[in-house]
Amino acid sequence: MSLTKEDLLRHGFTLIAAAALIAGLTSNATAAEGDGAALAAKYSCNVCHAVDHKVVGPGFRDVAKKYTGDASAPAKLAAKIKSGGSDMWGATLMPPNDVSDADTNSLIAWILSQDTEATAPYFEKK
């Protein structure tokens, strides 16, 4: 059986959605208003994104770096969070997310505030 690109995207989306659902059900993070890291956990953003490296989607620092100096970045990111899509960072589909406007704005502010010059600490031993 041969799978088309559309089949792969559809099955990939199903796996991502299932992982997000499982992560959301098992997450006991509490999101205080304005706490971007807690909001990323609350909405299962961490299933596909990390702060400092690519998981399925880009790392939040890479997103911040891409949009440095772009005054339209908040609107672009809000549309991507709400509607999902692909092709911005490759063919992998980001599913649409049901995030309140206030939480969307807080997430975007947190993402854009990431230190784009920081090194990835996940290789360092503590």
PDB file of N, CA and C in Angstrom:
ATOM      1  N   MET A   1       0.843  -1.179   0.000  1.00  0.00           N
ATOM      2  CA  MET A   1       0.000   0.000   0.000  1.00  0.00           C
ATOM      3  C   MET A   1       0.884   1.237   0.000  1.00  0.00           C
ATOM      4  N   SER A   2       0.601   2.168  -0.864  1.00  0.00           N
ATOM      5  CA  SER A   2       1.372   3.394  -0.999  1.00  0.00           C
ATOM      6  C   SER A   2       0.583   4.551  -0.378  1.00  0.00           C
ATOM      7  N   LEU A   3       1.276   5.341   0.438  1.00  0.00           N
ATOM      8  CA  LEU A   3       0.624   6.480   1.078  1.00  0.00           C
ATOM      9  C   LEU A   3       0.967   7.759   0.332  1.00  0.00           C
ATOM     10  N   THR A   4      -0.023   8.607   0.132  1.00  0.00           N
ATOM     11  CA  THR A   4       0.201   9.905  -0.496  1.00  0.00           C
ATOM     12  C   THR A   4       0.621  10.908   0.560  1.00  0.00           C
ATOM     13  N   LYS A   5       1.074  12.064   0.112  1.00  0.00           N
ATOM     14  CA  LYS A   5       1.443  13.142   1.033  1.00  0.00           C
ATOM     15  C   LYS A   5       0.252  13.512   1.919  1.00  0.00           C
ATOM     16  N   GLU A   6      -0.935  13.547   1.333  1.00  0.00           N
ATOM     17  CA  GLU A   6      -2.139  13.891   2.084  1.00  0.00           C
ATOM     18  C   GLU A   6      -2.429  12.856   3.167  1.00  0.00           C
ATOM     19  N   ASP A   7      -2.208  11.560   2.833  1.00  0.00           N
ATOM     20  CA  ASP A   7      -2.401  10.498   3.824  1.00  0.00           C
ATOM     21  C   ASP A   7      -1.435  10.674   4.984  1.00  0.00           C
ATOM     22  N   LEU A   8      -0.172  10.959   4.664  1.00  0.00           N
ATOM     23  CA  LEU A   8       0.834  11.137   5.718  1.00  0.00           C
ATOM     24  C   LEU A   8       0.501  12.332   6.600  1.00  0.00           C
ATOM     25  N   LEU A   9       0.080  13.441   5.972  1.00  0.00           N
ATOM     26  CA  LEU A   9      -0.284  14.621   6.766  1.00  0.00           C
ATOM     27  C   LEU A   9      -1.486  14.327   7.656  1.00  0.00           C
ATOM     28  N   ARG A  10      -2.481  13.619   7.107  1.00  0.00           N
ATOM     29  CA  ARG A  10      -3.687  13.306   7.875  1.00  0.00           C
ATOM     30  C   ARG A  10      -3.334  12.401   9.057  1.00  0.00           C
ATOM     31  N   HIS A  11      -2.534  11.372   8.806  1.00  0.00           N
ATOM     32  CA  HIS A  11      -2.153  10.458   9.889  1.00  0.00           C
ATOM     33  C   HIS A  11      -1.242  11.154  10.892  1.00  0.00           C
ATOM     34  N   GLY A  12      -0.343  12.004  10.400  1.00  0.00           N
ATOM     35  CA  GLY A  12       0.532  12.765  11.298  1.00  0.00           C
ATOM     36  C   GLY A  12      -0.276  13.696  12.182  1.00  0.00           C
ATOM     37  N   PHE A  13      -1.285  14.353  11.603  1.00  0.00           N
ATOM     38  CA  PHE A  13      -2.152  15.235  12.371  1.00  0.00           C
ATOM     39  C   PHE A  13      -2.890  14.446  13.449  1.00  0.00           C
ATOM     40  N   THR A  14      -3.373  13.253  13.094  1.00  0.00           N
ATOM     41  CA  THR A  14      -4.084  12.418  14.065  1.00  0.00           C
ATOM     42  C   THR A  14      -3.171  12.047  15.224  1.00  0.00           C
ATOM     43  N   LEU A  15      -1.937  11.682  14.932  1.00  0.00           N
ATOM     44  CA  LEU A  15      -0.981  11.336  15.998  1.00  0.00           C
ATOM     45  C   LEU A  15      -0.665  12.536  16.876  1.00  0.00           C
ATOM     46  N   ILE A  16      -0.468  13.701  16.255  1.00  0.00           N
ATOM     47  CA  ILE A  16      -0.175  14.915  17.025  1.00  0.00           C
ATOM     48  C   ILE A  16      -1.368  15.274  17.906  1.00  0.00           C
ATOM     49  N   ALA A  17      -2.576  15.204  17.351  1.00  0.00           N
ATOM     50  CA  ALA A  17      -3.776  15.526  18.127  1.00  0.00           C
ATOM     51  C   ALA A  17      -3.944  14.562  19.294  1.00  0.00           C
ATOM     52  N   ALA A  18      -3.691  13.264  19.063  1.00  0.00           N
ATOM     53  CA  ALA A  18      -3.800  12.276  20.141  1.00  0.00           C
ATOM     54  C   ALA A  18      -2.765  12.538  21.221  1.00  0.00           C
ATOM     55  N   ALA A  19      -1.540  12.857  20.820  1.00  0.00           N
ATOM     56  CA  ALA A  19      -0.492  13.157  21.800  1.00  0.00           C
ATOM     57  C   ALA A  19      -0.846  14.399  22.611  1.00  0.00           C
ATOM     58  N   ALA A  20      -1.388  15.407  21.943  1.00  0.00           N
ATOM     59  CA  ALA A  20      -1.791  16.628  22.645  1.00  0.00           C
ATOM     60  C   ALA A  20      -2.911  16.340  23.642  1.00  0.00           C
ATOM     61  N   LEU A  21      -3.863  15.502  23.253  1.00  0.00           N
ATOM     62  CA  LEU A  21      -4.958  15.138  24.151  1.00  0.00           C
ATOM     63  C   LEU A  21      -4.419  14.399  25.374  1.00  0.00           C
ATOM     64  N   ILE A  22      -3.544  13.444  25.148  1.00  0.00           N
ATOM     65  CA  ILE A  22      -2.966  12.690  26.267  1.00  0.00           C
ATOM     66  C   ILE A  22      -2.171  13.620  27.176  1.00  0.00           C
ATOM     67  N   ALA A  23      -1.370  14.479  26.586  1.00  0.00           N
ATOM     68  CA  ALA A  23      -0.573  15.409  27.391  1.00  0.00           C
ATOM     69  C   ALA A  23      -1.478  16.348  28.185  1.00  0.00           C
ATOM     70  N   GLY A  24      -2.558  16.799  27.554  1.00  0.00           N
ATOM     71  CA  GLY A  24      -3.486  17.684  28.252  1.00  0.00           C
ATOM     72  C   GLY A  24      -4.176  16.996  29.408  1.00  0.00           C
ATOM     73  N   LEU A  25      -4.497  15.728  29.227  1.00  0.00           N
ATOM     74  CA  LEU A  25      -5.168  14.983  30.285  1.00  0.00           C
ATOM     75  C   LEU A  25      -4.227  14.659  31.443  1.00  0.00           C
ATOM     76  N   THR A  26      -2.944  14.491  31.135  1.00  0.00           N
ATOM     77  CA  THR A  26      -1.999  14.122  32.187  1.00  0.00           C
ATOM     78  C   THR A  26      -1.274  15.321  32.781  1.00  0.00           C
ATOM     79  N   SER A  27      -1.456  16.491  32.196  1.00  0.00           N
ATOM     80  CA  SER A  27      -0.760  17.681  32.696  1.00  0.00           C
ATOM     81  C   SER A  27      -1.458  18.214  33.939  1.00  0.00           C
ATOM     82  N   ASN A  28      -0.683  18.483  34.971  1.00  0.00           N
ATOM     83  CA  ASN A  28      -1.254  19.098  36.165  1.00  0.00           C
ATOM     84  C   ASN A  28      -0.648  20.476  36.387  1.00  0.00           C
ATOM     85  N   ALA A  29      -0.224  21.106  35.273  1.00  0.00           N
ATOM     86  CA  ALA A  29       0.312  22.461  35.361  1.00  0.00           C
ATOM     87  C   ALA A  29      -0.850  23.431  35.572  1.00  0.00           C
ATOM     88  N   THR A  30      -0.619  24.413  36.385  1.00  0.00           N
ATOM     89  CA  THR A  30      -1.618  25.460  36.563  1.00  0.00           C
ATOM     90  C   THR A  30      -1.099  26.711  35.889  1.00  0.00           C
ATOM     91  N   ALA A  31      -1.944  27.328  35.104  1.00  0.00           N
ATOM     92  CA  ALA A  31      -1.529  28.492  34.336  1.00  0.00           C
ATOM     93  C   ALA A  31      -2.036  29.764  34.980  1.00  0.00           C
ATOM     94  N   ALA A  32      -1.141  30.469  35.612  1.00  0.00           N
ATOM     95  CA  ALA A  32      -1.480  31.793  36.116  1.00  0.00           C
ATOM     96  C   ALA A  32      -1.505  32.723  34.912  1.00  0.00           C
ATOM     97  N   GLU A  33      -2.409  33.696  34.923  1.00  0.00           N
ATOM     98  CA  GLU A  33      -2.501  34.611  33.799  1.00  0.00           C
ATOM     99  C   GLU A  33      -1.157  35.267  33.554  1.00  0.00           C
ATOM    100  N   GLY A  34      -0.715  35.253  32.322  1.00  0.00           N
ATOM    101  CA  GLY A  34       0.542  35.875  31.967  1.00  0.00           C
ATOM    102  C   GLY A  34       1.745  34.958  32.102  1.00  0.00           C
ATOM    103  N   ASP A  35       1.593  33.764  32.619  1.00  0.00           N
ATOM    104  CA  ASP A  35       2.713  32.841  32.773  1.00  0.00           C
ATOM    105  C   ASP A  35       2.811  31.986  31.517  1.00  0.00           C
ATOM    106  N   GLY A  36       3.676  32.390  30.594  1.00  0.00           N
ATOM    107  CA  GLY A  36       3.769  31.722  29.312  1.00  0.00           C
ATOM    108  C   GLY A  36       4.123  30.255  29.388  1.00  0.00           C
ATOM    109  N   ALA A  37       5.085  29.903  30.240  1.00  0.00           N
ATOM    110  CA  ALA A  37       5.481  28.498  30.349  1.00  0.00           C
ATOM    111  C   ALA A  37       4.318  27.644  30.845  1.00  0.00           C
ATOM    112  N   ALA A  38       3.576  28.149  31.811  1.00  0.00           N
ATOM    113  CA  ALA A  38       2.425  27.400  32.325  1.00  0.00           C
ATOM    114  C   ALA A  38       1.315  27.321  31.271  1.00  0.00           C
ATOM    115  N   LEU A  39       1.137  28.394  30.510  1.00  0.00           N
ATOM    116  CA  LEU A  39       0.128  28.359  29.443  1.00  0.00           C
ATOM    117  C   LEU A  39       0.526  27.376  28.346  1.00  0.00           C
ATOM    118  N   ALA A  40       1.809  27.319  28.015  1.00  0.00           N
ATOM    119  CA  ALA A  40       2.275  26.351  27.011  1.00  0.00           C
ATOM    120  C   ALA A  40       1.997  24.923  27.482  1.00  0.00           C
ATOM    121  N   ALA A  41       2.158  24.681  28.771  1.00  0.00           N
ATOM    122  CA  ALA A  41       1.838  23.357  29.318  1.00  0.00           C
ATOM    123  C   ALA A  41       0.326  23.123  29.337  1.00  0.00           C
ATOM    124  N   LYS A  42      -0.423  24.127  29.753  1.00  0.00           N
ATOM    125  CA  LYS A  42      -1.881  23.999  29.840  1.00  0.00           C
ATOM    126  C   LYS A  42      -2.496  23.634  28.488  1.00  0.00           C
ATOM    127  N   TYR A  43      -2.014  24.270  27.429  1.00  0.00           N
ATOM    128  CA  TYR A  43      -2.579  24.041  26.104  1.00  0.00           C
ATOM    129  C   TYR A  43      -1.799  22.992  25.301  1.00  0.00           C
ATOM    130  N   SER A  44      -0.924  22.265  25.965  1.00  0.00           N
ATOM    131  CA  SER A  44      -0.151  21.166  25.354  1.00  0.00           C
ATOM    132  C   SER A  44       0.748  21.614  24.209  1.00  0.00           C
ATOM    133  N   CYS A  45       1.167  22.861  24.217  1.00  0.00           N
ATOM    134  CA  CYS A  45       2.107  23.345  23.197  1.00  0.00           C
ATOM    135  C   CYS A  45       3.416  22.560  23.270  1.00  0.00           C
ATOM    136  N   ASN A  46       3.762  22.113  24.490  1.00  0.00           N
ATOM    137  CA  ASN A  46       5.020  21.417  24.712  1.00  0.00           C
ATOM    138  C   ASN A  46       5.063  20.029  24.081  1.00  0.00           C
ATOM    139  N   VAL A  47       3.943  19.536  23.600  1.00  0.00           N
ATOM    140  CA  VAL A  47       3.945  18.260  22.891  1.00  0.00           C
ATOM    141  C   VAL A  47       4.753  18.412  21.593  1.00  0.00           C
ATOM    142  N   CYS A  48       4.636  19.559  20.950  1.00  0.00           N
ATOM    143  CA  CYS A  48       5.303  19.781  19.662  1.00  0.00           C
ATOM    144  C   CYS A  48       6.419  20.814  19.697  1.00  0.00           C
ATOM    145  N   HIS A  49       6.489  21.628  20.750  1.00  0.00           N
ATOM    146  CA  HIS A  49       7.473  22.707  20.824  1.00  0.00           C
ATOM    147  C   HIS A  49       8.232  22.646  22.143  1.00  0.00           C
ATOM    148  N   ALA A  50       9.506  23.026  22.101  1.00  0.00           N
ATOM    149  CA  ALA A  50      10.317  23.220  23.305  1.00  0.00           C
ATOM    150  C   ALA A  50      10.844  24.647  23.243  1.00  0.00           C
ATOM    151  N   VAL A  51      11.382  25.123  24.332  1.00  0.00           N
ATOM    152  CA  VAL A  51      11.919  26.476  24.335  1.00  0.00           C
ATOM    153  C   VAL A  51      13.146  26.559  23.433  1.00  0.00           C
ATOM    154  N   ASP A  52      14.054  25.611  23.561  1.00  0.00           N
ATOM    155  CA  ASP A  52      15.374  25.783  22.977  1.00  0.00           C
ATOM    156  C   ASP A  52      15.750  24.822  21.860  1.00  0.00           C
ATOM    157  N   HIS A  53      14.815  24.029  21.369  1.00  0.00           N
ATOM    158  CA  HIS A  53      15.113  23.131  20.259  1.00  0.00           C
ATOM    159  C   HIS A  53      13.828  22.671  19.582  1.00  0.00           C
ATOM    160  N   LYS A  54      13.988  22.199  18.362  1.00  0.00           N
ATOM    161  CA  LYS A  54      12.857  21.688  17.596  1.00  0.00           C
ATOM    162  C   LYS A  54      12.418  20.344  18.169  1.00  0.00           C
ATOM    163  N   VAL A  55      11.115  20.156  18.278  1.00  0.00           N
ATOM    164  CA  VAL A  55      10.541  18.857  18.622  1.00  0.00           C
ATOM    165  C   VAL A  55       9.838  18.391  17.347  1.00  0.00           C
ATOM    166  N   VAL A  56       8.560  18.670  17.215  1.00  0.00           N
ATOM    167  CA  VAL A  56       7.856  18.482  15.942  1.00  0.00           C
ATOM    168  C   VAL A  56       7.855  19.819  15.210  1.00  0.00           C
ATOM    169  N   GLY A  57       7.530  20.857  15.968  1.00  0.00           N
ATOM    170  CA  GLY A  57       7.564  22.215  15.444  1.00  0.00           C
ATOM    171  C   GLY A  57       8.803  22.928  15.967  1.00  0.00           C
ATOM    172  N   PRO A  58       8.990  24.162  15.553  1.00  0.00           N
ATOM    173  CA  PRO A  58      10.193  24.905  15.937  1.00  0.00           C
ATOM    174  C   PRO A  58      10.233  25.212  17.438  1.00  0.00           C
ATOM    175  N   GLY A  59      11.429  25.421  17.950  1.00  0.00           N
ATOM    176  CA  GLY A  59      11.589  25.867  19.325  1.00  0.00           C
ATOM    177  C   GLY A  59      11.080  27.300  19.455  1.00  0.00           C
ATOM    178  N   PHE A  60      10.627  27.649  20.646  1.00  0.00           N
ATOM    179  CA  PHE A  60      10.100  29.001  20.849  1.00  0.00           C
ATOM    180  C   PHE A  60      11.161  30.069  20.611  1.00  0.00           C
ATOM    181  N   ARG A  61      12.434  29.777  20.934  1.00  0.00           N
ATOM    182  CA  ARG A  61      13.503  30.744  20.654  1.00  0.00           C
ATOM    183  C   ARG A  61      13.654  30.970  19.157  1.00  0.00           C
ATOM    184  N   ASP A  62      13.506  29.916  18.362  1.00  0.00           N
ATOM    185  CA  ASP A  62      13.595  30.070  16.905  1.00  0.00           C
ATOM    186  C   ASP A  62      12.446  30.913  16.381  1.00  0.00           C
ATOM    187  N   VAL A  63      11.270  30.743  16.961  1.00  0.00           N
ATOM    188  CA  VAL A  63      10.122  31.561  16.567  1.00  0.00           C
ATOM    189  C   VAL A  63      10.405  33.026  16.903  1.00  0.00           C
ATOM    190  N   ALA A  64      10.903  33.282  18.111  1.00  0.00           N
ATOM    191  CA  ALA A  64      11.219  34.655  18.514  1.00  0.00           C
ATOM    192  C   ALA A  64      12.260  35.270  17.579  1.00  0.00           C
ATOM    193  N   LYS A  65      13.264  34.476  17.227  1.00  0.00           N
ATOM    194  CA  LYS A  65      14.315  34.979  16.345  1.00  0.00           C
ATOM    195  C   LYS A  65      13.749  35.315  14.966  1.00  0.00           C
ATOM    196  N   LYS A  66      12.895  34.445  14.436  1.00  0.00           N
ATOM    197  CA  LYS A  66      12.309  34.668  13.111  1.00  0.00           C
ATOM    198  C   LYS A  66      11.517  35.977  13.068  1.00  0.00           C
ATOM    199  N   TYR A  67      10.839  36.301  14.163  1.00  0.00           N
ATOM    200  CA  TYR A  67       9.958  37.468  14.167  1.00  0.00           C
ATOM    201  C   TYR A  67      10.578  38.706  14.821  1.00  0.00           C
ATOM    202  N   THR A  68      11.854  38.681  15.147  1.00  0.00           N
ATOM    203  CA  THR A  68      12.518  39.849  15.730  1.00  0.00           C
ATOM    204  C   THR A  68      12.346  41.048  14.805  1.00  0.00           C
ATOM    205  N   GLY A  69      11.844  42.137  15.344  1.00  0.00           N
ATOM    206  CA  GLY A  69      11.672  43.361  14.578  1.00  0.00           C
ATOM    207  C   GLY A  69      10.436  43.403  13.690  1.00  0.00           C
ATOM    208  N   ASP A  70       9.629  42.382  13.697  1.00  0.00           N
ATOM    209  CA  ASP A  70       8.429  42.322  12.860  1.00  0.00           C
ATOM    210  C   ASP A  70       7.222  42.793  13.678  1.00  0.00           C
ATOM    211  N   ALA A  71       6.752  43.991  13.392  1.00  0.00           N
ATOM    212  CA  ALA A  71       5.632  44.567  14.139  1.00  0.00           C
ATOM    213  C   ALA A  71       4.339  43.773  13.947  1.00  0.00           C
ATOM    214  N   SER A  72       4.249  43.017  12.857  1.00  0.00           N
ATOM    215  CA  SER A  72       3.031  42.239  12.611  1.00  0.00           C
ATOM    216  C   SER A  72       3.116  40.833  13.212  1.00  0.00           C
ATOM    217  N   ALA A  73       4.197  40.530  13.915  1.00  0.00           N
ATOM    218  CA  ALA A  73       4.394  39.188  14.481  1.00  0.00           C
ATOM    219  C   ALA A  73       3.247  38.742  15.387  1.00  0.00           C
ATOM    220  N   PRO A  74       2.775  39.580  16.325  1.00  0.00           N
ATOM    221  CA  PRO A  74       1.684  39.112  17.199  1.00  0.00           C
ATOM    222  C   PRO A  74       0.442  38.680  16.419  1.00  0.00           C
ATOM    223  N   ALA A  75       0.078  39.420  15.402  1.00  0.00           N
ATOM    224  CA  ALA A  75      -1.105  39.060  14.606  1.00  0.00           C
ATOM    225  C   ALA A  75      -0.862  37.773  13.823  1.00  0.00           C
ATOM    226  N   LYS A  76       0.327  37.628  13.247  1.00  0.00           N
ATOM    227  CA  LYS A  76       0.657  36.412  12.490  1.00  0.00           C
ATOM    228  C   LYS A  76       0.643  35.182  13.405  1.00  0.00           C
ATOM    229  N   LEU A  77       1.250  35.316  14.572  1.00  0.00           N
ATOM    230  CA  LEU A  77       1.308  34.182  15.496  1.00  0.00           C
ATOM    231  C   LEU A  77      -0.073  33.846  16.052  1.00  0.00           C
ATOM    232  N   ALA A  78      -0.883  34.869  16.329  1.00  0.00           N
ATOM    233  CA  ALA A  78      -2.247  34.616  16.818  1.00  0.00           C
ATOM    234  C   ALA A  78      -3.042  33.822  15.781  1.00  0.00           C
ATOM    235  N   ALA A  79      -2.912  34.201  14.523  1.00  0.00           N
ATOM    236  CA  ALA A  79      -3.616  33.479  13.462  1.00  0.00           C
ATOM    237  C   ALA A  79      -3.130  32.038  13.376  1.00  0.00           C
ATOM    238  N   LYS A  80      -1.820  31.823  13.518  1.00  0.00           N
ATOM    239  CA  LYS A  80      -1.266  30.467  13.436  1.00  0.00           C
ATOM    240  C   LYS A  80      -1.730  29.627  14.626  1.00  0.00           C
ATOM    241  N   ILE A  81      -1.743  30.212  15.832  1.00  0.00           N
ATOM    242  CA  ILE A  81      -2.198  29.480  17.019  1.00  0.00           C
ATOM    243  C   ILE A  81      -3.663  29.087  16.861  1.00  0.00           C
ATOM    244  N   LYS A  82      -4.483  30.036  16.438  1.00  0.00           N
ATOM    245  CA  LYS A  82      -5.928  29.800  16.350  1.00  0.00           C
ATOM    246  C   LYS A  82      -6.315  28.878  15.189  1.00  0.00           C
ATOM    247  N   SER A  83      -5.697  29.078  14.017  1.00  0.00           N
ATOM    248  CA  SER A  83      -6.117  28.364  12.807  1.00  0.00           C
ATOM    249  C   SER A  83      -5.227  27.191  12.433  1.00  0.00           C
ATOM    250  N   GLY A  84      -4.018  27.151  12.971  1.00  0.00           N
ATOM    251  CA  GLY A  84      -3.088  26.102  12.593  1.00  0.00           C
ATOM    252  C   GLY A  84      -2.576  26.324  11.184  1.00  0.00           C
ATOM    253  N   GLY A  85      -2.007  25.283  10.605  1.00  0.00           N
ATOM    254  CA  GLY A  85      -1.509  25.376   9.237  1.00  0.00           C
ATOM    255  C   GLY A  85      -0.152  24.723   9.102  1.00  0.00           C
ATOM    256  N   SER A  86       0.433  24.890   7.915  1.00  0.00           N
ATOM    257  CA  SER A  86       1.756  24.333   7.648  1.00  0.00           C
ATOM    258  C   SER A  86       2.490  25.260   6.695  1.00  0.00           C
ATOM    259  N   ASP A  87       3.656  24.839   6.274  1.00  0.00           N
ATOM    260  CA  ASP A  87       4.503  25.520   5.305  1.00  0.00           C
ATOM    261  C   ASP A  87       5.331  26.667   5.885  1.00  0.00           C
ATOM    262  N   MET A  88       5.012  27.186   7.054  1.00  0.00           N
ATOM    263  CA  MET A  88       5.836  28.242   7.636  1.00  0.00           C
ATOM    264  C   MET A  88       7.196  27.675   8.050  1.00  0.00           C
ATOM    265  N   TRP A  89       7.176  26.464   8.632  1.00  0.00           N
ATOM    266  CA  TRP A  89       8.400  25.830   9.124  1.00  0.00           C
ATOM    267  C   TRP A  89       8.609  24.472   8.460  1.00  0.00           C
ATOM    268  N   GLY A  90       7.906  24.209   7.413  1.00  0.00           N
ATOM    269  CA  GLY A  90       7.992  22.916   6.739  1.00  0.00           C
ATOM    270  C   GLY A  90       6.592  22.367   6.509  1.00  0.00           C
ATOM    271  N   ALA A  91       6.521  21.112   6.110  1.00  0.00           N
ATOM    272  CA  ALA A  91       5.242  20.511   5.737  1.00  0.00           C
ATOM    273  C   ALA A  91       4.435  19.990   6.916  1.00  0.00           C
ATOM    274  N   THR A  92       5.025  19.923   8.109  1.00  0.00           N
ATOM    275  CA  THR A  92       4.307  19.385   9.263  1.00  0.00           C
ATOM    276  C   THR A  92       3.154  20.310   9.633  1.00  0.00           C
ATOM    277  N   LEU A  93       1.991  19.735   9.787  1.00  0.00           N
ATOM    278  CA  LEU A  93       0.775  20.488  10.066  1.00  0.00           C
ATOM    279  C   LEU A  93       0.652  20.813  11.551  1.00  0.00           C
ATOM    280  N   MET A  94       0.451  22.093  11.855  1.00  0.00           N
ATOM    281  CA  MET A  94       0.121  22.503  13.222  1.00  0.00           C
ATOM    282  C   MET A  94      -1.396  22.535  13.314  1.00  0.00           C
ATOM    283  N   PRO A  95      -1.973  21.805  14.282  1.00  0.00           N
ATOM    284  CA  PRO A  95      -3.433  21.804  14.381  1.00  0.00           C
ATOM    285  C   PRO A  95      -3.948  23.136  14.936  1.00  0.00           C
ATOM    286  N   PRO A  96      -5.195  23.484  14.630  1.00  0.00           N
ATOM    287  CA  PRO A  96      -5.781  24.681  15.247  1.00  0.00           C
ATOM    288  C   PRO A  96      -5.948  24.452  16.747  1.00  0.00           C
ATOM    289  N   ASN A  97      -5.874  25.531  17.501  1.00  0.00           N
ATOM    290  CA  ASN A  97      -5.943  25.434  18.958  1.00  0.00           C
ATOM    291  C   ASN A  97      -7.040  26.327  19.502  1.00  0.00           C
ATOM    292  N   ASP A  98      -7.792  25.820  20.450  1.00  0.00           N
ATOM    293  CA  ASP A  98      -8.858  26.568  21.092  1.00  0.00           C
ATOM    294  C   ASP A  98      -8.295  27.245  22.333  1.00  0.00           C
ATOM    295  N   VAL A  99      -7.677  28.408  22.114  1.00  0.00           N
ATOM    296  CA  VAL A  99      -7.032  29.170  23.183  1.00  0.00           C
ATOM    297  C   VAL A  99      -7.736  30.521  23.254  1.00  0.00           C
ATOM    298  N   SER A 100      -8.052  30.960  24.456  1.00  0.00           N
ATOM    299  CA  SER A 100      -8.721  32.256  24.605  1.00  0.00           C
ATOM    300  C   SER A 100      -7.824  33.368  24.059  1.00  0.00           C
ATOM    301  N   ASP A 101      -8.430  34.496  23.698  1.00  0.00           N
ATOM    302  CA  ASP A 101      -7.653  35.619  23.181  1.00  0.00           C
ATOM    303  C   ASP A 101      -6.630  36.101  24.211  1.00  0.00           C
ATOM    304  N   ALA A 102      -7.032  36.179  25.463  1.00  0.00           N
ATOM    305  CA  ALA A 102      -6.118  36.646  26.510  1.00  0.00           C
ATOM    306  C   ALA A 102      -4.929  35.697  26.651  1.00  0.00           C
ATOM    307  N   ASP A 103      -5.204  34.391  26.668  1.00  0.00           N
ATOM    308  CA  ASP A 103      -4.106  33.427  26.782  1.00  0.00           C
ATOM    309  C   ASP A 103      -3.246  33.413  25.522  1.00  0.00           C
ATOM    310  N   THR A 104      -3.865  33.582  24.353  1.00  0.00           N
ATOM    311  CA  THR A 104      -3.101  33.672  23.106  1.00  0.00           C
ATOM    312  C   THR A 104      -2.127  34.836  23.176  1.00  0.00           C
ATOM    313  N   ASN A 105      -2.608  35.990  23.609  1.00  0.00           N
ATOM    314  CA  ASN A 105      -1.752  37.177  23.710  1.00  0.00           C
ATOM    315  C   ASN A 105      -0.620  36.966  24.717  1.00  0.00           C
ATOM    316  N   SER A 106      -0.926  36.311  25.836  1.00  0.00           N
ATOM    317  CA  SER A 106       0.110  36.033  26.838  1.00  0.00           C
ATOM    318  C   SER A 106       1.147  35.049  26.297  1.00  0.00           C
ATOM    319  N   LEU A 107       0.692  34.016  25.601  1.00  0.00           N
ATOM    320  CA  LEU A 107       1.610  33.058  24.991  1.00  0.00           C
ATOM    321  C   LEU A 107       2.528  33.742  23.980  1.00  0.00           C
ATOM    322  N   ILE A 108       1.952  34.578  23.145  1.00  0.00           N
ATOM    323  CA  ILE A 108       2.738  35.273  22.120  1.00  0.00           C
ATOM    324  C   ILE A 108       3.765  36.196  22.762  1.00  0.00           C
ATOM    325  N   ALA A 109       3.361  36.935  23.767  1.00  0.00           N
ATOM    326  CA  ALA A 109       4.307  37.824  24.456  1.00  0.00           C
ATOM    327  C   ALA A 109       5.458  37.013  25.053  1.00  0.00           C
ATOM    328  N   TRP A 110       5.137  35.876  25.646  1.00  0.00           N
ATOM    329  CA  TRP A 110       6.166  35.015  26.234  1.00  0.00           C
ATOM    330  C   TRP A 110       7.084  34.439  25.153  1.00  0.00           C
ATOM    331  N   ILE A 111       6.507  33.960  24.066  1.00  0.00           N
ATOM    332  CA  ILE A 111       7.312  33.399  22.979  1.00  0.00           C
ATOM    333  C   ILE A 111       8.262  34.458  22.420  1.00  0.00           C
ATOM    334  N   LEU A 112       7.732  35.647  22.145  1.00  0.00           N
ATOM    335  CA  LEU A 112       8.560  36.701  21.553  1.00  0.00           C
ATOM    336  C   LEU A 112       9.590  37.252  22.526  1.00  0.00           C
ATOM    337  N   SER A 113       9.421  36.986  23.819  1.00  0.00           N
ATOM    338  CA  SER A 113      10.388  37.468  24.809  1.00  0.00           C
ATOM    339  C   SER A 113      11.557  36.506  25.011  1.00  0.00           C
ATOM    340  N   GLN A 114      11.557  35.375  24.323  1.00  0.00           N
ATOM    341  CA  GLN A 114      12.625  34.394  24.492  1.00  0.00           C
ATOM    342  C   GLN A 114      13.968  34.988  24.078  1.00  0.00           C
ATOM    343  N   ASP A 115      15.010  34.600  24.776  1.00  0.00           N
ATOM    344  CA  ASP A 115      16.363  35.041  24.481  1.00  0.00           C
ATOM    345  C   ASP A 115      16.847  34.301  23.237  1.00  0.00           C
ATOM    346  N   THR A 116      16.941  35.012  22.124  1.00  0.00           N
ATOM    347  CA  THR A 116      17.298  34.368  20.862  1.00  0.00           C
ATOM    348  C   THR A 116      18.794  34.067  20.755  1.00  0.00           C
ATOM    349  N   GLU A 117      19.582  34.538  21.697  1.00  0.00           N
ATOM    350  CA  GLU A 117      21.027  34.296  21.669  1.00  0.00           C
ATOM    351  C   GLU A 117      21.447  33.204  22.649  1.00  0.00           C
ATOM    352  N   ALA A 118      20.526  32.696  23.447  1.00  0.00           N
ATOM    353  CA  ALA A 118      20.862  31.691  24.462  1.00  0.00           C
ATOM    354  C   ALA A 118      21.256  30.377  23.796  1.00  0.00           C
ATOM    355  N   THR A 119      22.093  29.624  24.486  1.00  0.00           N
ATOM    356  CA  THR A 119      22.467  28.300  23.993  1.00  0.00           C
ATOM    357  C   THR A 119      21.534  27.267  24.597  1.00  0.00           C
ATOM    358  N   ALA A 120      21.465  26.125  23.968  1.00  0.00           N
ATOM    359  CA  ALA A 120      20.572  25.057  24.422  1.00  0.00           C
ATOM    360  C   ALA A 120      21.143  24.389  25.667  1.00  0.00           C
ATOM    361  N   PRO A 121      20.504  24.533  26.813  1.00  0.00           N
ATOM    362  CA  PRO A 121      21.039  23.964  28.052  1.00  0.00           C
ATOM    363  C   PRO A 121      20.792  22.471  28.214  1.00  0.00           C
ATOM    364  N   TYR A 122      19.997  21.863  27.329  1.00  0.00           N
ATOM    365  CA  TYR A 122      19.649  20.465  27.509  1.00  0.00           C
ATOM    366  C   TYR A 122      20.836  19.533  27.269  1.00  0.00           C
ATOM    367  N   PHE A 123      21.963  20.049  26.758  1.00  0.00           N
ATOM    368  CA  PHE A 123      23.156  19.217  26.598  1.00  0.00           C
ATOM    369  C   PHE A 123      24.069  19.306  27.817  1.00  0.00           C
ATOM    370  N   GLU A 124      23.830  20.260  28.665  1.00  0.00           N
ATOM    371  CA  GLU A 124      24.699  20.448  29.834  1.00  0.00           C
ATOM    372  C   GLU A 124      24.306  19.507  30.959  1.00  0.00           C
ATOM    373  N   LYS A 125      25.307  18.955  31.615  1.00  0.00           N
ATOM    374  CA  LYS A 125      25.051  18.125  32.792  1.00  0.00           C
ATOM    375  C   LYS A 125      24.977  19.035  34.001  1.00  0.00           C
ATOM    376  N   LYS A 126      24.056  18.704  34.897  1.00  0.00           N
ATOM    377  CA  LYS A 126      23.907  19.533  36.097  1.00  0.00           C
ATOM    378  C   LYS A 126      24.353  18.769  37.306  1.00  0.00           C
TER     379      LYS A 126
END
